[in-house]
Amino acid sequence: MNFIRIAIIGILILTFAVTLLAYPHMPDSVPSHWNAAGTVDAELPKFWGLVIVPTLMIGFTALLAVLPRIDPLRKNYEKFRNYYEGFILVFAAFLFFIQLQIILWGMGTQVSPNLTMPVMIGILFICIGFLTEHTEPNWFVGIRTPWTLSSERVWKKTHDRGGTLFKLAGMVSMIGAIAGVYAWLFIIVPALAVAAYTVVYSYVEFRREQDNGTPE
């Protein structure tokens, strides 16, 4: 078991430990949603409000761990395994900080998600960028369009471009920390723009390959 896998397990244990320690000190209801102004507009009973994030963390971590084992192209995962498992670690840490935000808010330390979420999601986008530019063809991870899945050349070019764009999207997202009620725009708009661009780019590159007779 390598360092990254140990760190993932450590994040899982830490999340449950912090939650269990905080549980007796939490109010009867805890925040479950914040609006664009960064104020709570929905709550859940303490038990359900504190169990959702750890449950999601276990579920997503288990799913991401299983995908390489069931992918017909599972041998390709070995070529980018460290980046893939690194993403799992960062994603688990992302969920841990969401849980920490819920707990701190319930205890009276009300740090606005408009300050924290743009930075955390920005880091997540940057990590996705590194993963994307190193991802080899597979059926579950990466920019999987009909055109990237039909050509290794298109896959490579699209993922190289997409990796750079996701890193830029992460930097833009972080700027949202100073945008107040408009913070969500710095997260959503770059993400949608990158998704739309890479789909179109993969199609254009595939058509160019077909028109030029470039071998796959």
C-alpha atoms as a PDB file:
ATOM      1  CA  MET A   1       0.000   0.000   0.000  1.00  0.00           C
ATOM      2  CA  ASN A   2       1.530   3.312  -1.097  1.00  0.00           C
ATOM      3  CA  PHE A   3       1.558   6.662   0.682  1.00  0.00           C
ATOM      4  CA  ILE A   4      -1.452   8.031  -1.228  1.00  0.00           C
ATOM      5  CA  ARG A   5      -3.676   5.105  -0.249  1.00  0.00           C
ATOM      6  CA  ILE A   6      -2.600   5.420   3.386  1.00  0.00           C
ATOM      7  CA  ALA A   7      -3.416   9.136   3.253  1.00  0.00           C
ATOM      8  CA  ILE A   8      -6.888   8.398   1.824  1.00  0.00           C
ATOM      9  CA  ILE A   9      -7.590   5.993   4.680  1.00  0.00           C
ATOM     10  CA  GLY A  10      -6.244   8.617   7.091  1.00  0.00           C
ATOM     11  CA  ILE A  11      -8.687  11.244   5.748  1.00  0.00           C
ATOM     12  CA  LEU A  12     -11.584   8.803   6.162  1.00  0.00           C
ATOM     13  CA  ILE A  13     -10.599   8.027   9.757  1.00  0.00           C
ATOM     14  CA  LEU A  14     -10.047  11.709  10.544  1.00  0.00           C
ATOM     15  CA  THR A  15     -13.473  12.644   9.182  1.00  0.00           C
ATOM     16  CA  PHE A  16     -15.237  10.078  11.334  1.00  0.00           C
ATOM     17  CA  ALA A  17     -13.141  10.943  14.394  1.00  0.00           C
ATOM     18  CA  VAL A  18     -13.843  14.678  14.126  1.00  0.00           C
ATOM     19  CA  THR A  19     -17.543  14.010  13.555  1.00  0.00           C
ATOM     20  CA  LEU A  20     -17.837  11.707  16.566  1.00  0.00           C
ATOM     21  CA  LEU A  21     -15.966  14.149  18.814  1.00  0.00           C
ATOM     22  CA  ALA A  22     -18.091  17.083  17.676  1.00  0.00           C
ATOM     23  CA  TYR A  23     -21.453  15.297  17.775  1.00  0.00           C
ATOM     24  CA  PRO A  24     -22.258  15.814  21.496  1.00  0.00           C
ATOM     25  CA  HIS A  25     -21.526  19.531  21.194  1.00  0.00           C
ATOM     26  CA  MET A  26     -23.644  20.208  18.115  1.00  0.00           C
ATOM     27  CA  PRO A  27     -27.105  21.854  18.188  1.00  0.00           C
ATOM     28  CA  ASP A  28     -30.225  19.850  17.375  1.00  0.00           C
ATOM     29  CA  SER A  29     -30.104  20.987  13.738  1.00  0.00           C
ATOM     30  CA  VAL A  30     -27.129  21.750  11.510  1.00  0.00           C
ATOM     31  CA  PRO A  31     -26.703  23.631   8.211  1.00  0.00           C
ATOM     32  CA  SER A  32     -27.358  21.654   5.046  1.00  0.00           C
ATOM     33  CA  HIS A  33     -27.365  24.452   2.459  1.00  0.00           C
ATOM     34  CA  TRP A  34     -26.108  28.005   2.054  1.00  0.00           C
ATOM     35  CA  ASN A  35     -27.521  30.553  -0.390  1.00  0.00           C
ATOM     36  CA  ALA A  36     -25.568  32.847  -2.704  1.00  0.00           C
ATOM     37  CA  ALA A  37     -25.175  35.397   0.100  1.00  0.00           C
ATOM     38  CA  GLY A  38     -23.358  32.796   2.191  1.00  0.00           C
ATOM     39  CA  THR A  39     -26.092  32.421   4.788  1.00  0.00           C
ATOM     40  CA  VAL A  40     -27.837  29.202   5.802  1.00  0.00           C
ATOM     41  CA  ASP A  41     -31.201  28.676   4.144  1.00  0.00           C
ATOM     42  CA  ALA A  42     -31.779  25.003   5.023  1.00  0.00           C
ATOM     43  CA  GLU A  43     -31.032  22.743   7.981  1.00  0.00           C
ATOM     44  CA  LEU A  44     -31.241  19.054   8.876  1.00  0.00           C
ATOM     45  CA  PRO A  45     -31.547  17.219  12.189  1.00  0.00           C
ATOM     46  CA  LYS A  46     -28.151  16.783  13.805  1.00  0.00           C
ATOM     47  CA  PHE A  47     -27.776  13.066  13.041  1.00  0.00           C
ATOM     48  CA  TRP A  48     -28.640  13.276   9.356  1.00  0.00           C
ATOM     49  CA  GLY A  49     -26.801  16.536   8.883  1.00  0.00           C
ATOM     50  CA  LEU A  50     -23.559  15.045  10.187  1.00  0.00           C
ATOM     51  CA  VAL A  51     -23.815  11.606   8.601  1.00  0.00           C
ATOM     52  CA  ILE A  52     -24.388  12.662   4.985  1.00  0.00           C
ATOM     53  CA  VAL A  53     -20.861  13.838   4.124  1.00  0.00           C
ATOM     54  CA  PRO A  54     -19.008  10.854   5.678  1.00  0.00           C
ATOM     55  CA  THR A  55     -21.430   8.517   3.891  1.00  0.00           C
ATOM     56  CA  LEU A  56     -20.799  10.259   0.569  1.00  0.00           C
ATOM     57  CA  MET A  57     -17.066  10.115   1.224  1.00  0.00           C
ATOM     58  CA  ILE A  58     -17.105   6.341   1.743  1.00  0.00           C
ATOM     59  CA  GLY A  59     -19.411   5.805  -1.227  1.00  0.00           C
ATOM     60  CA  PHE A  60     -17.413   7.886  -3.705  1.00  0.00           C
ATOM     61  CA  THR A  61     -14.068   6.587  -2.475  1.00  0.00           C
ATOM     62  CA  ALA A  62     -15.249   2.991  -2.820  1.00  0.00           C
ATOM     63  CA  LEU A  63     -16.702   3.677  -6.275  1.00  0.00           C
ATOM     64  CA  LEU A  64     -13.527   5.342  -7.532  1.00  0.00           C
ATOM     65  CA  ALA A  65     -11.466   2.461  -6.137  1.00  0.00           C
ATOM     66  CA  VAL A  66     -13.625  -0.121  -7.928  1.00  0.00           C
ATOM     67  CA  LEU A  67     -13.801   1.530 -11.364  1.00  0.00           C
ATOM     68  CA  PRO A  68     -10.266   0.564 -12.486  1.00  0.00           C
ATOM     69  CA  ARG A  69     -10.981  -3.055 -11.592  1.00  0.00           C
ATOM     70  CA  ILE A  70     -14.066  -3.315 -13.806  1.00  0.00           C
ATOM     71  CA  ASP A  71     -12.869  -1.174 -16.727  1.00  0.00           C
ATOM     72  CA  PRO A  72     -12.083  -3.274 -19.850  1.00  0.00           C
ATOM     73  CA  LEU A  73      -9.072  -0.981 -20.316  1.00  0.00           C
ATOM     74  CA  ARG A  74      -7.932  -1.356 -16.700  1.00  0.00           C
ATOM     75  CA  LYS A  75      -4.296  -1.887 -17.733  1.00  0.00           C
ATOM     76  CA  ASN A  76      -4.150   1.752 -18.827  1.00  0.00           C
ATOM     77  CA  TYR A  77      -4.830   2.924 -15.271  1.00  0.00           C
ATOM     78  CA  GLU A  78      -1.335   1.823 -14.290  1.00  0.00           C
ATOM     79  CA  LYS A  79       0.022   4.577 -16.533  1.00  0.00           C
ATOM     80  CA  PHE A  80      -1.695   7.301 -14.504  1.00  0.00           C
ATOM     81  CA  ARG A  81      -2.378   5.511 -11.210  1.00  0.00           C
ATOM     82  CA  ASN A  82      -0.635   8.072  -8.997  1.00  0.00           C
ATOM     83  CA  TYR A  83      -2.628  10.938 -10.524  1.00  0.00           C
ATOM     84  CA  TYR A  84      -5.866   8.959 -10.235  1.00  0.00           C
ATOM     85  CA  GLU A  85      -5.312   8.033  -6.597  1.00  0.00           C
ATOM     86  CA  GLY A  86      -4.066  11.560  -5.931  1.00  0.00           C
ATOM     87  CA  PHE A  87      -7.419  12.842  -7.176  1.00  0.00           C
ATOM     88  CA  ILE A  88      -9.243  10.466  -4.824  1.00  0.00           C
ATOM     89  CA  LEU A  89      -7.173  11.861  -1.949  1.00  0.00           C
ATOM     90  CA  VAL A  90      -7.910  15.478  -2.881  1.00  0.00           C
ATOM     91  CA  PHE A  91     -11.613  14.719  -3.343  1.00  0.00           C
ATOM     92  CA  ALA A  92     -11.772  13.034   0.080  1.00  0.00           C
ATOM     93  CA  ALA A  93     -10.016  16.056   1.596  1.00  0.00           C
ATOM     94  CA  PHE A  94     -12.531  18.321  -0.163  1.00  0.00           C
ATOM     95  CA  LEU A  95     -15.414  16.458   1.486  1.00  0.00           C
ATOM     96  CA  PHE A  96     -13.609  16.564   4.832  1.00  0.00           C
ATOM     97  CA  PHE A  97     -13.431  20.363   4.678  1.00  0.00           C
ATOM     98  CA  ILE A  98     -17.137  20.527   3.820  1.00  0.00           C
ATOM     99  CA  GLN A  99     -17.840  18.440   6.931  1.00  0.00           C
ATOM    100  CA  LEU A 100     -15.562  20.708   8.947  1.00  0.00           C
ATOM    101  CA  GLN A 101     -17.450  23.757   7.681  1.00  0.00           C
ATOM    102  CA  ILE A 102     -20.746  22.228   8.812  1.00  0.00           C
ATOM    103  CA  ILE A 103     -19.342  21.393  12.243  1.00  0.00           C
ATOM    104  CA  LEU A 104     -17.693  24.786  12.789  1.00  0.00           C
ATOM    105  CA  TRP A 105     -20.827  26.623  11.694  1.00  0.00           C
ATOM    106  CA  GLY A 106     -22.928  24.547  14.086  1.00  0.00           C
ATOM    107  CA  MET A 107     -20.538  25.431  16.900  1.00  0.00           C
ATOM    108  CA  GLY A 108     -20.795  29.133  16.174  1.00  0.00           C
ATOM    109  CA  THR A 109     -17.730  29.728  13.976  1.00  0.00           C
ATOM    110  CA  GLN A 110     -19.573  30.962  10.928  1.00  0.00           C
ATOM    111  CA  VAL A 111     -17.027  31.208   8.116  1.00  0.00           C
ATOM    112  CA  SER A 112     -18.848  32.041   4.885  1.00  0.00           C
ATOM    113  CA  PRO A 113     -18.714  29.344   2.189  1.00  0.00           C
ATOM    114  CA  ASN A 114     -18.305  32.226  -0.263  1.00  0.00           C
ATOM    115  CA  LEU A 115     -14.762  32.462   1.094  1.00  0.00           C
ATOM    116  CA  THR A 116     -13.955  28.774   1.432  1.00  0.00           C
ATOM    117  CA  MET A 117     -15.740  27.012  -1.426  1.00  0.00           C
ATOM    118  CA  PRO A 118     -14.151  28.924  -4.334  1.00  0.00           C
ATOM    119  CA  VAL A 119     -10.708  28.071  -2.975  1.00  0.00           C
ATOM    120  CA  MET A 120     -11.509  24.419  -2.245  1.00  0.00           C
ATOM    121  CA  ILE A 121     -13.221  23.875  -5.588  1.00  0.00           C
ATOM    122  CA  GLY A 122     -10.396  25.733  -7.318  1.00  0.00           C
ATOM    123  CA  ILE A 123      -7.889  23.285  -5.835  1.00  0.00           C
ATOM    124  CA  LEU A 124     -10.140  20.419  -6.935  1.00  0.00           C
ATOM    125  CA  PHE A 125     -10.280  21.791 -10.502  1.00  0.00           C
ATOM    126  CA  ILE A 126      -6.490  22.127 -10.629  1.00  0.00           C
ATOM    127  CA  CYS A 127      -6.141  18.531  -9.451  1.00  0.00           C
ATOM    128  CA  ILE A 128      -8.608  17.465 -12.147  1.00  0.00           C
ATOM    129  CA  GLY A 129      -6.431  19.315 -14.633  1.00  0.00           C
ATOM    130  CA  PHE A 130      -3.338  17.302 -13.695  1.00  0.00           C
ATOM    131  CA  LEU A 131      -5.362  14.073 -13.776  1.00  0.00           C
ATOM    132  CA  THR A 132      -6.894  14.945 -17.142  1.00  0.00           C
ATOM    133  CA  GLU A 133      -3.633  15.631 -18.942  1.00  0.00           C
ATOM    134  CA  HIS A 134      -2.179  12.301 -17.766  1.00  0.00           C
ATOM    135  CA  THR A 135      -5.266  10.118 -18.261  1.00  0.00           C
ATOM    136  CA  GLU A 136      -4.930   7.300 -20.774  1.00  0.00           C
ATOM    137  CA  PRO A 137      -7.921   5.913 -22.737  1.00  0.00           C
ATOM    138  CA  ASN A 138     -10.485   4.195 -20.511  1.00  0.00           C
ATOM    139  CA  TRP A 139     -14.240   3.971 -20.112  1.00  0.00           C
ATOM    140  CA  PHE A 140     -14.791   5.874 -16.857  1.00  0.00           C
ATOM    141  CA  VAL A 141     -12.267   8.678 -16.310  1.00  0.00           C
ATOM    142  CA  GLY A 142     -11.550  11.716 -18.429  1.00  0.00           C
ATOM    143  CA  ILE A 143     -13.216  13.537 -21.319  1.00  0.00           C
ATOM    144  CA  ARG A 144     -15.165  10.678 -22.837  1.00  0.00           C
ATOM    145  CA  THR A 145     -16.873  11.817 -26.002  1.00  0.00           C
ATOM    146  CA  PRO A 146     -17.630   9.624 -29.037  1.00  0.00           C
ATOM    147  CA  TRP A 147     -14.648  11.252 -30.741  1.00  0.00           C
ATOM    148  CA  THR A 148     -12.046  10.813 -27.982  1.00  0.00           C
ATOM    149  CA  LEU A 149     -13.135   7.201 -27.560  1.00  0.00           C
ATOM    150  CA  SER A 150     -12.765   6.605 -31.293  1.00  0.00           C
ATOM    151  CA  SER A 151      -9.228   7.927 -31.702  1.00  0.00           C
ATOM    152  CA  GLU A 152      -6.191   7.776 -29.438  1.00  0.00           C
ATOM    153  CA  ARG A 153      -4.822  10.888 -31.137  1.00  0.00           C
ATOM    154  CA  VAL A 154      -8.007  12.862 -30.434  1.00  0.00           C
ATOM    155  CA  TRP A 155      -8.037  11.518 -26.869  1.00  0.00           C
ATOM    156  CA  LYS A 156      -4.492  12.754 -26.290  1.00  0.00           C
ATOM    157  CA  LYS A 157      -4.971  16.188 -27.834  1.00  0.00           C
ATOM    158  CA  THR A 158      -8.296  16.778 -26.070  1.00  0.00           C
ATOM    159  CA  HIS A 159      -6.940  15.747 -22.688  1.00  0.00           C
ATOM    160  CA  ASP A 160      -3.810  17.855 -23.070  1.00  0.00           C
ATOM    161  CA  ARG A 161      -5.975  20.878 -23.849  1.00  0.00           C
ATOM    162  CA  GLY A 162      -8.573  20.014 -21.222  1.00  0.00           C
ATOM    163  CA  GLY A 163      -5.949  19.593 -18.508  1.00  0.00           C
ATOM    164  CA  THR A 164      -4.632  23.106 -19.099  1.00  0.00           C
ATOM    165  CA  LEU A 165      -8.132  24.567 -19.162  1.00  0.00           C
ATOM    166  CA  PHE A 166      -9.171  22.867 -15.911  1.00  0.00           C
ATOM    167  CA  LYS A 167      -6.117  24.354 -14.190  1.00  0.00           C
ATOM    168  CA  LEU A 168      -7.095  27.794 -15.462  1.00  0.00           C
ATOM    169  CA  ALA A 169     -10.678  27.187 -14.313  1.00  0.00           C
ATOM    170  CA  GLY A 170      -9.314  26.395 -10.864  1.00  0.00           C
ATOM    171  CA  MET A 171      -7.434  29.695 -10.737  1.00  0.00           C
ATOM    172  CA  VAL A 172     -10.536  31.599 -11.833  1.00  0.00           C
ATOM    173  CA  SER A 173     -12.597  29.777  -9.207  1.00  0.00           C
ATOM    174  CA  MET A 174     -10.238  30.933  -6.457  1.00  0.00           C
ATOM    175  CA  ILE A 175     -10.803  34.561  -7.468  1.00  0.00           C
ATOM    176  CA  GLY A 176     -14.410  33.977  -6.458  1.00  0.00           C
ATOM    177  CA  ALA A 177     -13.303  34.137  -2.813  1.00  0.00           C
ATOM    178  CA  ILE A 178     -13.333  37.937  -3.130  1.00  0.00           C
ATOM    179  CA  ALA A 179     -16.508  38.121  -5.243  1.00  0.00           C
ATOM    180  CA  GLY A 180     -19.060  37.880  -2.414  1.00  0.00           C
ATOM    181  CA  VAL A 181     -22.529  36.914  -3.622  1.00  0.00           C
ATOM    182  CA  TYR A 182     -21.146  36.325  -7.126  1.00  0.00           C
ATOM    183  CA  ALA A 183     -18.672  33.682  -5.965  1.00  0.00           C
ATOM    184  CA  TRP A 184     -20.736  30.881  -7.501  1.00  0.00           C
ATOM    185  CA  LEU A 185     -20.318  32.400 -10.974  1.00  0.00           C
ATOM    186  CA  PHE A 186     -16.529  32.029 -10.725  1.00  0.00           C
ATOM    187  CA  ILE A 187     -17.078  28.308 -10.107  1.00  0.00           C
ATOM    188  CA  ILE A 188     -19.935  27.410 -12.451  1.00  0.00           C
ATOM    189  CA  VAL A 189     -19.095  29.487 -15.531  1.00  0.00           C
ATOM    190  CA  PRO A 190     -15.484  28.248 -15.998  1.00  0.00           C
ATOM    191  CA  ALA A 191     -16.527  24.642 -15.385  1.00  0.00           C
ATOM    192  CA  LEU A 192     -19.316  24.806 -17.983  1.00  0.00           C
ATOM    193  CA  ALA A 193     -17.062  26.627 -20.423  1.00  0.00           C
ATOM    194  CA  VAL A 194     -14.333  23.979 -20.157  1.00  0.00           C
ATOM    195  CA  ALA A 195     -16.862  21.148 -20.522  1.00  0.00           C
ATOM    196  CA  ALA A 196     -18.457  22.718 -23.619  1.00  0.00           C
ATOM    197  CA  TYR A 197     -15.131  23.637 -25.206  1.00  0.00           C
ATOM    198  CA  THR A 198     -13.577  20.186 -24.824  1.00  0.00           C
ATOM    199  CA  VAL A 199     -16.617  18.473 -26.344  1.00  0.00           C
ATOM    200  CA  VAL A 200     -16.514  20.764 -29.378  1.00  0.00           C
ATOM    201  CA  TYR A 201     -12.716  20.539 -29.586  1.00  0.00           C
ATOM    202  CA  SER A 202     -12.781  16.734 -29.633  1.00  0.00           C
ATOM    203  CA  TYR A 203     -15.329  16.783 -32.456  1.00  0.00           C
ATOM    204  CA  VAL A 204     -13.317  19.297 -34.504  1.00  0.00           C
ATOM    205  CA  GLU A 205     -10.106  17.302 -34.045  1.00  0.00           C
ATOM    206  CA  PHE A 206     -11.852  14.084 -35.035  1.00  0.00           C
ATOM    207  CA  ARG A 207     -13.306  15.662 -38.184  1.00  0.00           C
ATOM    208  CA  ARG A 208      -9.872  17.060 -39.030  1.00  0.00           C
ATOM    209  CA  GLU A 209      -8.381  13.604 -38.612  1.00  0.00           C
ATOM    210  CA  GLN A 210     -11.006  12.080 -40.852  1.00  0.00           C
ATOM    211  CA  ASP A 211     -10.659  14.771 -43.513  1.00  0.00           C
ATOM    212  CA  ASN A 212      -6.872  14.489 -43.556  1.00  0.00           C
ATOM    213  CA  GLY A 213      -6.817  10.711 -43.338  1.00  0.00           C
ATOM    214  CA  THR A 214      -4.613  10.884 -40.231  1.00  0.00           C
ATOM    215  CA  PRO A 215      -4.151   7.401 -38.767  1.00  0.00           C
ATOM    216  CA  GLU A 216      -5.522   6.847 -35.240  1.00  0.00           C
END
